[in-house]
Amino acid sequence: MKKYIVCIIFFLIIFIGKGYSTEYKKAPFDTISAKIDSIFSGLVSGEMPGYQIAITKEGRLIYSRSFGFANLDEGISITTKTIFHVASVSKQFTAFAIWLLAKQGKLNLDDDVQKYLDYFPDFGKKITIRQLINHISGLRDQWELLMMSGVRLDDVIKQEHIIKILSRQKELNFEPGEEYLYCDSGYTLLAEIVSKVSGMDFCEFTNENIFQPLGMNNSHFHIDQEEIVRNRALSYYKDDSGKYKYSVLSYANVGATSLYTNAEDLCNWINNFFTGVVGGKEEIKQMYERGILNNGDTIDYASGVAVGSYKGYKLIQHSGADAGFRTQVAWFPVKEIGIVILGNQDNLIPYTIYYNIVDILLPQKTGYTSAPKKEIKAYNLKTEELNKFAGTYFENAGRVAEIKIDNGSLMIQINGSPFYNIIPLSEDKFFLKVAGLDINFDVDKNGNVKGFNYVAGKVRNEFTKFEPYKINPGELNEFSGRYYSDELSTFYDIDVSSENIIVKHIRNSDLILSVIAKDVFRGNAEWLSVLKFYRDSDGIIKGFRITGNRARNVKFERQ
């Protein structure tokens, strides 16, 4: 009997100890836990929204904590069991559902989407399931299309609303496979394909084939905005006075978003990538296959996850942001370490925090030398020499860049981003440190700046400079009138004051446009970055096209 007990004790020591690698022996877990606690306790104080954090290593939950409040009205704290809306982290589950059906031979990722969805528009070219997964389909983004049509993101937005607006599209942002542009529309359509092929409701399919087998008992796709979910966190933002406000979220759509879960359940999900209990260990690695563009370039995005590296180790990750919810899920396949951070305030930024956690948990890989930081030696340019770079730049895809001088430094803003300093490296080359990008200006022999370009992810982005354009107030009247989009089934009125062009919609707030160039105007809304009028051969205005961040050149015709 004693021998039997000794064997059991020996087995338990080996089994329990297996989860601790040498780095944990060097740094006791109590110390590691305290360091992680200090990160979040320094961010959350008093009655405010907060975080839920969980960490898994080699199949075991080694850390699970919560900070802050889930419900400020009732003074309810976040616990390790609180349910969060995790926004775009939902996409990896939708992609996994597609992979499960592919493994069963029920679909092929290179099939045409039209094969499964009869309402999918005929764009005159094939768009595949794989292109939807990798965000290279060219489809316009559903949220911007909805906002252009007058829908607010805090409205109740049902699956059928999205399908209707997607089924009316007649044009693409770009040729399928030509570019990478993040697109929620593709993942809504993927959820529809799962339902069509499996013969099951998407929520039922994911529950039966993913959540239940993985013990994710606190997880579900939330397609009914009226469904009661016990112990869920609400989302918040701070207004200009610093007062917390409820950030409304009433989504009733799935595929691109709307997974309700918690950090511990997501650790079960991460562990499946190490064990392959659901889907098969080798087959599940296909989720890491990155997209390939028509020119052969490989992008970082795979199946609902981005593939990269940190400290010499392969890193899989994805973030999420809807209303006030902020999410980060990341894991290192080789080390079998996964980190989940969930937050419920819009200015909480989990992805800037998890690197701090990784640095506590993970030593740099032996023999790995990180790329040397680029040595920045600023080239001396006087303010008067910088003046020629200031101005407005326009990209054919519709984005606008503003460059200005501030306290003797050149600052750049692209499509409504904050202004960032660009450091001169030579007479016509600058460095955008925040993004690690070289900004190359095109200067002619007379010293005139024609435009600039930069390369990001192997994609060359080119902007053309517009010279300051002063519109004659008398010219404004020719823009006024009513314009209609058949794709969005909505009207815009263009109203003209003595100095401004105003875009009016029955549901959107009035939007004052600023002139960029002849017939080209800029808006300051996410869904309206650029509005460009077009004319007939006689010079008469026939309509305009709107470009946002992820929906380009949506056509409106003058009535």
Protein backbone atom coordinates (compact mmCIF):
# COMPACT_ATOMS: atom_id res chain seq x y z
CA MET A 1 0.00 0.00 0.00
CA LYS A 2 2.83 2.41 0.94
CA LYS A 3 4.58 1.57 -2.32
CA TYR A 4 1.35 2.35 -4.18
CA ILE A 5 0.99 5.71 -2.40
CA VAL A 6 4.64 6.59 -3.11
CA CYS A 7 4.10 5.86 -6.82
CA ILE A 8 1.04 8.11 -6.89
CA ILE A 9 2.91 10.94 -5.15
CA PHE A 10 5.83 10.54 -7.58
CA PHE A 11 3.44 10.63 -10.55
CA LEU A 12 1.71 13.77 -9.23
CA ILE A 13 5.05 15.52 -8.70
CA ILE A 14 6.08 14.76 -12.28
CA PHE A 15 2.67 15.68 -13.71
CA ILE A 16 2.23 18.90 -11.76
CA GLY A 17 5.80 19.97 -12.31
CA LYS A 18 5.62 19.43 -16.06
CA GLY A 19 4.00 22.80 -16.69
CA TYR A 20 6.89 24.78 -15.26
CA SER A 21 9.79 25.47 -17.62
CA THR A 22 13.27 26.53 -16.55
CA GLU A 23 12.42 30.20 -16.70
CA TYR A 24 9.76 29.67 -14.02
CA LYS A 25 12.30 27.89 -11.82
CA LYS A 26 14.57 30.86 -12.14
CA ALA A 27 11.71 33.25 -11.35
CA PRO A 28 9.13 31.79 -8.90
CA PHE A 29 5.60 32.13 -10.19
CA ASP A 30 4.56 34.18 -7.17
CA THR A 31 7.03 36.82 -8.35
CA ILE A 32 5.77 36.61 -11.94
CA SER A 33 2.17 36.86 -10.77
CA ALA A 34 2.96 39.92 -8.66
CA LYS A 35 4.65 41.61 -11.62
CA ILE A 36 1.62 41.03 -13.84
CA ASP A 37 -0.71 42.21 -11.07
CA SER A 38 1.26 45.44 -10.83
CA ILE A 39 0.75 46.17 -14.53
CA PHE A 40 -3.03 46.22 -14.16
CA SER A 41 -3.33 47.61 -10.66
CA GLY A 42 -1.44 50.62 -11.97
CA LEU A 43 -4.00 51.06 -14.75
CA VAL A 44 -7.21 50.58 -12.79
CA SER A 45 -8.11 52.57 -9.69
CA GLY A 46 -11.41 53.50 -8.09
CA GLU A 47 -14.76 52.77 -9.67
CA MET A 48 -13.91 52.45 -13.34
CA PRO A 49 -14.13 49.83 -16.11
CA GLY A 50 -11.25 47.44 -16.22
CA TYR A 51 -9.74 44.18 -17.38
CA GLN A 52 -9.99 40.42 -17.25
CA ILE A 53 -6.74 38.55 -17.87
CA ALA A 54 -5.89 34.86 -18.21
CA ILE A 55 -2.67 33.09 -19.16
CA THR A 56 -2.23 29.48 -20.17
CA LYS A 57 1.01 27.51 -20.39
CA GLU A 58 1.35 23.95 -21.66
CA GLY A 59 -2.36 23.32 -21.23
CA ARG A 60 -2.69 24.73 -17.71
CA LEU A 61 -4.26 27.97 -16.54
CA ILE A 62 -1.39 29.65 -14.68
CA TYR A 63 -2.89 33.10 -14.18
CA SER A 64 -6.44 34.44 -13.99
CA ARG A 65 -7.27 37.87 -12.57
CA SER A 66 -9.75 40.70 -12.92
CA PHE A 67 -9.60 44.43 -12.22
CA GLY A 68 -12.26 47.14 -12.32
CA PHE A 69 -16.02 47.15 -12.77
CA ALA A 70 -18.29 45.28 -15.16
CA ASN A 71 -21.32 47.45 -14.38
CA LEU A 72 -20.88 50.98 -13.08
CA ASP A 73 -24.63 51.49 -12.54
CA GLU A 74 -24.83 48.65 -10.04
CA GLY A 75 -21.24 48.77 -8.79
CA ILE A 76 -20.59 45.19 -9.95
CA SER A 77 -16.94 44.21 -10.18
CA ILE A 78 -15.40 42.24 -13.01
CA THR A 79 -14.66 38.67 -11.94
CA THR A 80 -12.78 35.90 -13.71
CA LYS A 81 -16.17 34.55 -14.85
CA THR A 82 -17.56 37.81 -16.29
CA ILE A 83 -18.70 37.55 -19.92
CA PHE A 84 -17.30 39.99 -22.51
CA HIS A 85 -18.15 40.82 -26.09
CA VAL A 86 -14.81 40.19 -27.83
CA ALA A 87 -15.45 41.91 -31.19
CA SER A 88 -13.12 40.82 -34.01
CA VAL A 89 -11.52 38.02 -32.02
CA SER A 90 -14.73 36.29 -33.14
CA LYS A 91 -13.30 35.97 -36.66
CA GLN A 92 -10.90 33.13 -35.83
CA PHE A 93 -13.84 31.01 -34.70
CA THR A 94 -15.70 31.71 -37.93
CA ALA A 95 -12.63 30.79 -39.96
CA PHE A 96 -12.19 27.61 -37.88
CA ALA A 97 -15.79 26.60 -38.61
CA ILE A 98 -15.01 26.93 -42.33
CA TRP A 99 -11.87 24.78 -41.91
CA LEU A 100 -13.88 22.11 -40.09
CA LEU A 101 -16.31 21.91 -43.02
CA ALA A 102 -13.41 21.81 -45.47
CA LYS A 103 -11.88 18.90 -43.54
CA GLN A 104 -15.22 17.09 -43.83
CA GLY A 105 -15.09 17.61 -47.60
CA LYS A 106 -18.22 19.78 -47.60
CA LEU A 107 -16.52 22.78 -49.21
CA ASN A 108 -13.25 23.90 -50.76
CA LEU A 109 -11.60 27.14 -49.73
CA ASP A 110 -10.96 28.00 -53.38
CA ASP A 111 -14.65 27.66 -54.28
CA ASP A 112 -16.48 30.69 -55.64
CA VAL A 113 -18.63 32.32 -52.97
CA GLN A 114 -21.52 32.40 -55.46
CA LYS A 115 -21.60 28.60 -55.33
CA TYR A 116 -23.05 28.80 -51.82
CA LEU A 117 -24.79 32.19 -51.60
CA ASP A 118 -27.18 32.86 -54.46
CA TYR A 119 -27.65 36.48 -53.38
CA PHE A 120 -23.93 37.23 -53.62
CA PRO A 121 -23.45 39.86 -56.37
CA ASP A 122 -21.91 38.95 -59.70
CA PHE A 123 -18.92 41.26 -60.03
CA GLY A 124 -17.80 39.58 -63.25
CA LYS A 125 -14.91 37.86 -61.48
CA LYS A 126 -14.46 35.00 -59.06
CA ILE A 127 -14.22 35.71 -55.34
CA THR A 128 -13.22 32.71 -53.25
CA ILE A 129 -13.86 31.64 -49.67
CA ARG A 130 -10.12 31.85 -49.05
CA GLN A 131 -10.07 35.48 -50.20
CA LEU A 132 -12.84 36.29 -47.73
CA ILE A 133 -10.81 34.67 -44.95
CA ASN A 134 -7.65 36.62 -45.81
CA HIS A 135 -9.33 40.04 -46.38
CA ILE A 136 -8.20 40.18 -50.01
CA SER A 137 -11.62 39.86 -51.69
CA GLY A 138 -12.01 43.53 -52.62
CA LEU A 139 -15.44 43.73 -50.96
CA ARG A 140 -16.47 46.98 -49.34
CA ASP A 141 -16.73 46.88 -45.56
CA GLN A 142 -20.21 46.37 -44.14
CA TRP A 143 -19.93 48.89 -41.29
CA GLU A 144 -18.97 51.78 -43.55
CA LEU A 145 -21.68 50.89 -46.06
CA LEU A 146 -24.23 50.85 -43.25
CA MET A 147 -23.03 54.20 -41.92
CA MET A 148 -23.13 55.68 -45.44
CA SER A 149 -26.74 54.51 -45.67
CA GLY A 150 -27.63 56.28 -42.41
CA VAL A 151 -27.34 53.41 -39.94
CA ARG A 152 -25.69 54.18 -36.60
CA LEU A 153 -23.40 51.57 -35.08
CA ASP A 154 -25.40 51.74 -31.85
CA ASP A 155 -28.57 50.80 -33.75
CA VAL A 156 -29.84 47.24 -33.65
CA ILE A 157 -28.01 45.83 -36.67
CA LYS A 158 -29.30 42.41 -37.66
CA GLN A 159 -27.73 39.80 -39.90
CA GLU A 160 -30.42 40.38 -42.50
CA HIS A 161 -29.62 44.12 -42.63
CA ILE A 162 -26.01 43.38 -43.51
CA ILE A 163 -26.90 40.73 -46.08
CA LYS A 164 -29.32 43.11 -47.81
CA ILE A 165 -26.76 45.88 -48.16
CA LEU A 166 -24.00 43.48 -49.30
CA SER A 167 -26.26 41.86 -51.89
CA ARG A 168 -26.86 45.25 -53.57
CA GLN A 169 -23.18 46.02 -54.24
CA LYS A 170 -22.19 46.53 -57.87
CA GLU A 171 -18.51 47.42 -57.55
CA LEU A 172 -15.45 46.33 -55.58
CA ASN A 173 -12.76 48.32 -53.79
CA PHE A 174 -10.16 46.53 -55.94
CA GLU A 175 -9.68 43.40 -58.05
CA PRO A 176 -9.90 40.22 -55.90
CA GLY A 177 -6.45 39.24 -54.65
CA GLU A 178 -4.79 42.53 -55.59
CA GLU A 179 -4.64 44.06 -52.11
CA TYR A 180 -5.10 43.35 -48.43
CA LEU A 181 -7.81 45.52 -46.86
CA TYR A 182 -9.47 44.43 -43.63
CA CYS A 183 -13.12 43.70 -44.39
CA ASP A 184 -15.79 42.61 -41.92
CA SER A 185 -18.19 41.84 -44.78
CA GLY A 186 -16.22 38.72 -45.68
CA TYR A 187 -16.64 37.18 -42.25
CA THR A 188 -20.37 37.82 -42.11
CA LEU A 189 -20.60 35.99 -45.43
CA LEU A 190 -18.41 33.16 -44.09
CA ALA A 191 -20.89 32.64 -41.25
CA GLU A 192 -23.65 32.46 -43.85
CA ILE A 193 -21.68 29.85 -45.79
CA VAL A 194 -21.26 27.76 -42.62
CA SER A 195 -25.04 27.78 -42.14
CA LYS A 196 -25.71 26.96 -45.78
CA VAL A 197 -23.23 24.08 -46.01
CA SER A 198 -23.84 22.54 -42.58
CA GLY A 199 -27.61 22.89 -42.66
CA MET A 200 -27.39 24.33 -39.14
CA ASP A 201 -27.76 27.79 -37.70
CA PHE A 202 -24.25 29.29 -37.34
CA CYS A 203 -24.67 29.75 -33.58
CA GLU A 204 -25.77 26.13 -33.18
CA PHE A 205 -22.92 24.85 -35.36
CA THR A 206 -20.23 26.67 -33.39
CA ASN A 207 -21.78 25.64 -30.08
CA GLU A 208 -21.98 21.96 -31.04
CA ASN A 209 -18.67 21.70 -32.91
CA ILE A 210 -16.41 24.14 -31.04
CA PHE A 211 -17.62 25.46 -27.70
CA GLN A 212 -19.03 22.28 -26.17
CA PRO A 213 -16.13 19.98 -27.18
CA LEU A 214 -13.61 22.50 -25.80
CA GLY A 215 -15.43 23.06 -22.52
CA MET A 216 -16.11 26.70 -23.39
CA ASN A 217 -19.26 26.70 -21.30
CA ASN A 218 -19.43 30.49 -21.01
CA SER A 219 -19.23 31.13 -24.76
CA HIS A 220 -21.80 31.71 -27.49
CA PHE A 221 -22.33 33.79 -30.62
CA HIS A 222 -24.84 36.48 -29.70
CA ILE A 223 -27.31 37.03 -32.54
CA ASP A 224 -30.33 38.06 -30.46
CA GLN A 225 -29.83 41.53 -28.98
CA GLU A 226 -32.69 40.89 -26.54
CA GLU A 227 -31.17 37.70 -25.12
CA ILE A 228 -30.34 37.94 -21.43
CA VAL A 229 -26.73 37.09 -20.62
CA ARG A 230 -26.04 36.76 -16.92
CA ASN A 231 -22.83 38.19 -15.50
CA ARG A 232 -21.85 40.15 -18.60
CA ALA A 233 -19.75 43.30 -18.71
CA LEU A 234 -21.10 46.53 -20.14
CA SER A 235 -18.94 48.85 -22.25
CA TYR A 236 -18.00 52.44 -21.50
CA TYR A 237 -16.24 55.53 -22.78
CA LYS A 238 -15.21 58.86 -21.26
CA ASP A 239 -16.74 62.06 -22.56
CA ASP A 240 -14.80 65.31 -22.96
CA SER A 241 -15.43 66.21 -19.31
CA GLY A 242 -13.95 62.90 -18.12
CA LYS A 243 -17.33 61.44 -17.15
CA TYR A 244 -18.00 57.75 -17.88
CA LYS A 245 -20.81 57.07 -20.34
CA TYR A 246 -22.40 53.82 -21.48
CA SER A 247 -21.15 52.86 -24.97
CA VAL A 248 -24.20 51.22 -26.54
CA LEU A 249 -23.80 47.93 -28.42
CA SER A 250 -26.90 46.22 -29.83
CA TYR A 251 -25.45 43.97 -32.51
CA ALA A 252 -27.60 41.10 -33.69
CA ASN A 253 -25.18 39.76 -36.29
CA VAL A 254 -22.45 37.14 -36.27
CA GLY A 255 -19.35 36.00 -38.13
CA ALA A 256 -17.27 39.17 -38.05
CA THR A 257 -18.08 39.85 -34.39
CA SER A 258 -20.50 39.10 -31.51
CA LEU A 259 -18.74 36.25 -29.71
CA TYR A 260 -19.55 36.42 -25.99
CA THR A 261 -16.99 34.65 -23.82
CA ASN A 262 -14.43 35.15 -21.06
CA ALA A 263 -10.67 34.91 -20.74
CA GLU A 264 -10.58 31.43 -19.22
CA ASP A 265 -12.75 30.02 -22.00
CA LEU A 266 -10.45 31.63 -24.55
CA CYS A 267 -7.51 29.87 -22.91
CA ASN A 268 -9.30 26.58 -23.65
CA TRP A 269 -9.54 27.73 -27.27
CA ILE A 270 -5.84 28.57 -27.42
CA ASN A 271 -4.90 25.20 -25.91
CA ASN A 272 -6.71 23.46 -28.77
CA PHE A 273 -4.09 24.86 -31.14
CA PHE A 274 -1.49 22.97 -29.09
CA THR A 275 -3.46 19.71 -28.68
CA GLY A 276 -5.71 19.56 -31.76
CA VAL A 277 -8.50 17.89 -29.77
CA VAL A 278 -10.98 19.54 -32.13
CA GLY A 279 -9.89 19.64 -35.77
CA GLY A 280 -6.68 17.63 -35.49
CA LYS A 281 -3.25 18.88 -34.43
CA GLU A 282 -1.72 18.92 -37.92
CA GLU A 283 -4.84 20.10 -39.71
CA ILE A 284 -5.31 23.00 -37.32
CA LYS A 285 -1.94 24.40 -38.39
CA GLN A 286 -3.64 25.31 -41.68
CA MET A 287 -5.23 28.17 -39.74
CA TYR A 288 -1.75 29.75 -39.76
CA GLU A 289 -1.50 29.77 -43.58
CA ARG A 290 -1.10 33.42 -44.58
CA GLY A 291 -2.85 34.95 -47.55
CA ILE A 292 -1.11 35.34 -50.90
CA LEU A 293 -1.77 38.24 -53.27
CA ASN A 294 -2.00 37.92 -57.03
CA ASN A 295 1.58 39.15 -57.39
CA GLY A 296 2.84 36.38 -55.11
CA ASP A 297 3.43 38.53 -52.03
CA THR A 298 2.49 36.92 -48.73
CA ILE A 299 0.53 39.01 -46.23
CA ASP A 300 0.62 38.62 -42.44
CA TYR A 301 -3.08 37.76 -42.12
CA ALA A 302 -4.17 34.13 -42.02
CA SER A 303 -7.50 32.64 -40.84
CA GLY A 304 -8.85 35.24 -38.44
CA VAL A 305 -5.37 35.69 -36.95
CA ALA A 306 -2.21 37.61 -37.76
CA VAL A 307 1.04 35.64 -37.94
CA GLY A 308 4.23 37.30 -36.76
CA SER A 309 7.11 36.85 -34.32
CA TYR A 310 8.45 38.26 -31.08
CA LYS A 311 11.75 37.55 -29.36
CA GLY A 312 12.48 34.98 -32.04
CA TYR A 313 9.28 32.97 -31.44
CA LYS A 314 6.31 32.59 -33.78
CA LEU A 315 3.44 34.73 -32.52
CA ILE A 316 -0.25 34.33 -33.38
CA GLN A 317 -2.57 37.16 -32.38
CA HIS A 318 -5.68 39.21 -33.04
CA SER A 319 -7.31 42.20 -31.41
CA GLY A 320 -10.91 43.35 -31.21
CA ALA A 321 -12.76 46.66 -30.71
CA ASP A 322 -16.50 47.31 -30.69
CA ALA A 323 -18.17 50.11 -28.72
CA GLY A 324 -16.16 50.22 -25.45
CA PHE A 325 -14.92 46.63 -25.59
CA ARG A 326 -11.22 46.02 -26.22
CA THR A 327 -9.72 42.55 -26.68
CA GLN A 328 -6.33 40.97 -27.30
CA VAL A 329 -5.70 37.25 -27.75
CA ALA A 330 -2.19 36.00 -28.50
CA TRP A 331 -0.20 32.79 -28.26
CA PHE A 332 3.24 31.34 -28.95
CA PRO A 333 2.86 27.84 -30.49
CA VAL A 334 6.40 26.65 -29.70
CA LYS A 335 6.29 27.68 -26.05
CA GLU A 336 2.59 26.78 -25.66
CA ILE A 337 1.94 30.09 -23.93
CA GLY A 338 -1.30 32.00 -24.49
CA ILE A 339 -2.37 35.40 -23.19
CA VAL A 340 -5.92 36.82 -23.15
CA ILE A 341 -6.73 40.42 -22.17
CA LEU A 342 -10.34 41.67 -22.20
CA GLY A 343 -11.38 45.25 -21.38
CA ASN A 344 -14.60 47.28 -21.29
CA GLN A 345 -13.48 50.88 -21.81
CA ASP A 346 -12.67 52.35 -25.21
CA ASN A 347 -9.36 53.96 -24.21
CA LEU A 348 -7.98 50.74 -22.73
CA ILE A 349 -5.44 49.35 -25.20
CA PRO A 350 -4.71 45.66 -24.48
CA TYR A 351 -2.25 45.12 -27.32
CA THR A 352 0.16 47.66 -25.83
CA ILE A 353 0.04 45.80 -22.52
CA TYR A 354 0.48 42.19 -23.51
CA TYR A 355 4.05 42.76 -24.71
CA ASN A 356 4.86 43.76 -21.13
CA ILE A 357 3.36 40.47 -19.97
CA VAL A 358 5.27 38.51 -22.60
CA ASP A 359 8.50 40.11 -21.44
CA ILE A 360 7.79 38.80 -17.93
CA LEU A 361 6.88 35.30 -19.11
CA LEU A 362 9.17 34.66 -22.04
CA PRO A 363 12.94 35.03 -22.29
CA GLN A 364 14.50 35.90 -25.62
CA LYS A 365 15.15 32.82 -27.72
CA THR A 366 18.69 31.48 -27.41
CA GLY A 367 20.80 32.60 -30.33
CA TYR A 368 18.16 35.06 -31.51
CA THR A 369 19.32 38.59 -32.18
CA SER A 370 16.63 41.12 -32.81
CA ALA A 371 17.03 43.39 -35.80
CA PRO A 372 19.09 46.42 -34.87
CA LYS A 373 17.04 49.53 -34.33
CA LYS A 374 17.31 51.94 -37.21
CA GLU A 375 19.77 54.67 -36.38
CA ILE A 376 18.06 57.96 -36.92
CA LYS A 377 20.34 60.86 -37.72
CA ALA A 378 18.20 63.86 -38.48
CA TYR A 379 19.14 65.86 -41.56
CA ASN A 380 19.19 69.57 -40.93
CA LEU A 381 16.42 71.34 -42.82
CA LYS A 382 15.37 74.85 -41.96
CA THR A 383 11.73 75.76 -41.51
CA GLU A 384 11.63 77.58 -44.83
CA GLU A 385 12.97 74.44 -46.52
CA LEU A 386 10.22 72.35 -44.89
CA ASN A 387 7.51 74.68 -46.16
CA LYS A 388 7.46 73.11 -49.62
CA PHE A 389 6.37 69.75 -48.16
CA ALA A 390 3.36 71.18 -46.30
CA GLY A 391 -0.02 70.71 -47.93
CA THR A 392 -2.70 68.20 -48.87
CA TYR A 393 -1.96 64.92 -50.63
CA PHE A 394 -4.48 62.63 -52.28
CA GLU A 395 -4.29 58.91 -53.06
CA ASN A 396 -6.20 57.40 -55.97
CA ALA A 397 -7.81 54.91 -53.58
CA GLY A 398 -9.35 57.88 -51.79
CA ARG A 399 -7.17 58.49 -48.75
CA VAL A 400 -6.06 61.99 -47.86
CA ALA A 401 -2.82 63.00 -46.13
CA GLU A 402 -2.19 66.36 -44.51
CA ILE A 403 1.35 67.60 -43.86
CA LYS A 404 1.99 70.68 -41.75
CA ILE A 405 4.77 72.40 -39.84
CA ASP A 406 4.46 72.55 -36.06
CA ASN A 407 7.19 74.17 -33.94
CA GLY A 408 9.73 73.70 -36.68
CA SER A 409 8.92 70.02 -37.25
CA LEU A 410 7.10 68.37 -40.14
CA MET A 411 3.95 66.51 -39.09
CA ILE A 412 1.84 64.07 -41.12
CA GLN A 413 -1.74 62.89 -40.78
CA ILE A 414 -3.17 60.12 -43.00
CA ASN A 415 -6.92 59.67 -43.30
CA GLY A 416 -7.84 61.28 -40.01
CA SER A 417 -5.11 59.69 -37.88
CA PRO A 418 -3.37 61.83 -35.26
CA PHE A 419 -0.54 64.04 -36.54
CA TYR A 420 2.86 62.36 -36.19
CA ASN A 421 6.33 63.85 -36.54
CA ILE A 422 8.36 62.79 -39.59
CA ILE A 423 12.12 63.15 -39.25
CA PRO A 424 14.18 64.40 -42.24
CA LEU A 425 16.88 61.94 -43.33
CA SER A 426 17.86 63.87 -46.47
CA GLU A 427 16.51 66.66 -48.63
CA ASP A 428 13.59 64.50 -49.83
CA LYS A 429 13.43 61.49 -47.50
CA PHE A 430 11.81 61.41 -44.07
CA PHE A 431 11.20 58.78 -41.40
CA LEU A 432 7.86 58.14 -39.68
CA LYS A 433 9.17 56.69 -36.42
CA VAL A 434 5.80 55.65 -34.97
CA ALA A 435 5.29 53.23 -37.89
CA GLY A 436 8.91 52.59 -38.86
CA LEU A 437 8.29 53.83 -42.41
CA ASP A 438 10.41 55.78 -44.87
CA ILE A 439 8.47 58.64 -46.48
CA ASN A 440 9.94 59.39 -49.90
CA PHE A 441 8.98 62.68 -51.56
CA ASP A 442 8.94 63.20 -55.31
CA VAL A 443 10.62 66.54 -55.98
CA ASP A 444 11.08 67.82 -59.53
CA LYS A 445 14.19 69.61 -60.88
CA ASN A 446 12.69 72.98 -59.93
CA GLY A 447 12.29 71.91 -56.32
CA ASN A 448 8.52 71.50 -56.48
CA VAL A 449 7.03 68.63 -54.44
CA LYS A 450 4.82 66.43 -56.62
CA GLY A 451 3.88 63.81 -54.04
CA PHE A 452 5.23 61.13 -51.72
CA ASN A 453 5.24 57.37 -51.33
CA TYR A 454 5.96 54.75 -48.70
CA VAL A 455 6.07 50.95 -48.68
CA ALA A 456 4.13 49.07 -45.99
CA GLY A 457 3.92 45.29 -46.03
CA LYS A 458 5.35 45.17 -49.56
CA VAL A 459 2.56 47.45 -50.78
CA ARG A 460 3.61 50.76 -52.31
CA ASN A 461 1.34 53.65 -51.29
CA GLU A 462 1.47 56.75 -53.49
CA PHE A 463 0.03 60.20 -52.76
CA THR A 464 -0.13 63.17 -55.13
CA LYS A 465 0.13 66.71 -53.84
CA PHE A 466 -2.67 69.13 -54.50
CA GLU A 467 -1.81 72.76 -54.69
CA PRO A 468 -3.96 75.01 -52.50
CA TYR A 469 -7.29 75.47 -54.22
CA LYS A 470 -9.53 78.40 -53.50
CA ILE A 471 -13.08 77.82 -54.59
CA ASN A 472 -15.13 80.77 -55.74
CA PRO A 473 -18.25 81.06 -53.56
CA GLY A 474 -20.22 81.51 -56.75
CA GLU A 475 -19.15 78.03 -57.86
CA LEU A 476 -20.66 76.36 -54.83
CA ASN A 477 -24.24 76.52 -56.08
CA GLU A 478 -23.55 74.07 -58.91
CA PHE A 479 -22.99 71.29 -56.34
CA SER A 480 -26.32 71.70 -54.56
CA GLY A 481 -29.07 69.16 -55.07
CA ARG A 482 -30.28 65.71 -54.14
CA TYR A 483 -28.16 62.62 -54.85
CA TYR A 484 -29.19 58.97 -54.70
CA SER A 485 -27.23 55.73 -54.26
CA ASP A 486 -28.95 52.69 -55.71
CA GLU A 487 -26.46 50.43 -53.91
CA LEU A 488 -27.31 51.89 -50.51
CA SER A 489 -30.91 52.81 -51.31
CA THR A 490 -30.46 56.23 -49.71
CA PHE A 491 -30.50 59.96 -50.53
CA TYR A 492 -28.04 62.72 -49.65
CA ASP A 493 -28.78 66.42 -49.98
CA ILE A 494 -25.93 68.76 -50.79
CA ASP A 495 -26.68 72.15 -49.28
CA VAL A 496 -24.59 75.22 -49.92
CA SER A 497 -23.94 78.13 -47.57
CA SER A 498 -21.97 81.25 -48.44
CA GLU A 499 -18.67 79.44 -47.85
CA ASN A 500 -19.34 75.75 -47.29
CA ILE A 501 -20.72 72.60 -48.83
CA ILE A 502 -22.83 70.65 -46.34
CA VAL A 503 -23.79 67.00 -46.70
CA LYS A 504 -27.19 66.23 -45.20
CA HIS A 505 -28.88 62.91 -44.49
CA ILE A 506 -32.13 62.23 -42.69
CA ARG A 507 -30.32 60.11 -40.04
CA ASN A 508 -26.72 61.35 -40.03
CA SER A 509 -25.52 64.61 -38.53
CA ASP A 510 -24.79 67.36 -41.05
CA LEU A 511 -21.25 67.16 -42.35
CA ILE A 512 -19.35 70.24 -43.51
CA LEU A 513 -16.87 69.49 -46.28
CA SER A 514 -13.55 71.22 -46.87
CA VAL A 515 -12.18 71.68 -50.37
CA ILE A 516 -9.12 69.68 -51.47
CA ALA A 517 -9.08 70.39 -55.18
CA LYS A 518 -11.48 71.12 -57.98
CA ASP A 519 -14.55 68.91 -57.40
CA VAL A 520 -12.77 67.07 -54.56
CA PHE A 521 -13.79 67.60 -50.94
CA ARG A 522 -12.85 66.16 -47.60
CA GLY A 523 -15.12 64.99 -44.80
CA ASN A 524 -14.16 64.24 -41.23
CA ALA A 525 -16.22 61.08 -40.73
CA GLU A 526 -14.98 57.49 -40.73
CA TRP A 527 -17.40 56.66 -43.53
CA LEU A 528 -16.69 59.82 -45.53
CA SER A 529 -13.06 60.69 -45.95
CA VAL A 530 -13.30 62.01 -49.52
CA LEU A 531 -16.23 63.11 -51.67
CA LYS A 532 -15.43 63.57 -55.35
CA PHE A 533 -17.93 65.01 -57.84
CA TYR A 534 -17.93 63.82 -61.44
CA ARG A 535 -19.19 65.62 -64.54
CA ASP A 536 -20.43 64.82 -68.03
CA SER A 537 -18.72 65.89 -71.25
CA ASP A 538 -20.40 69.30 -71.02
CA GLY A 539 -19.02 69.91 -67.55
CA ILE A 540 -22.35 69.40 -65.80
CA ILE A 541 -22.17 67.64 -62.41
CA LYS A 542 -23.82 64.23 -62.65
CA GLY A 543 -23.00 62.82 -59.21
CA PHE A 544 -20.30 62.08 -56.71
CA ARG A 545 -18.42 59.15 -55.18
CA ILE A 546 -17.71 58.70 -51.48
CA THR A 547 -14.64 56.98 -50.05
CA GLY A 548 -14.20 56.03 -46.41
CA ASN A 549 -11.48 53.95 -44.77
CA ARG A 550 -12.64 50.53 -46.05
CA ALA A 551 -15.29 51.37 -48.63
CA ARG A 552 -14.11 53.14 -51.76
CA ASN A 553 -15.86 55.11 -54.50
CA VAL A 554 -19.49 54.43 -53.59
CA LYS A 555 -21.56 56.07 -56.30
CA PHE A 556 -24.35 58.64 -55.84
CA GLU A 557 -26.23 60.02 -58.87
CA ARG A 558 -27.75 63.47 -59.04
CA GLN A 559 -31.53 63.44 -59.17
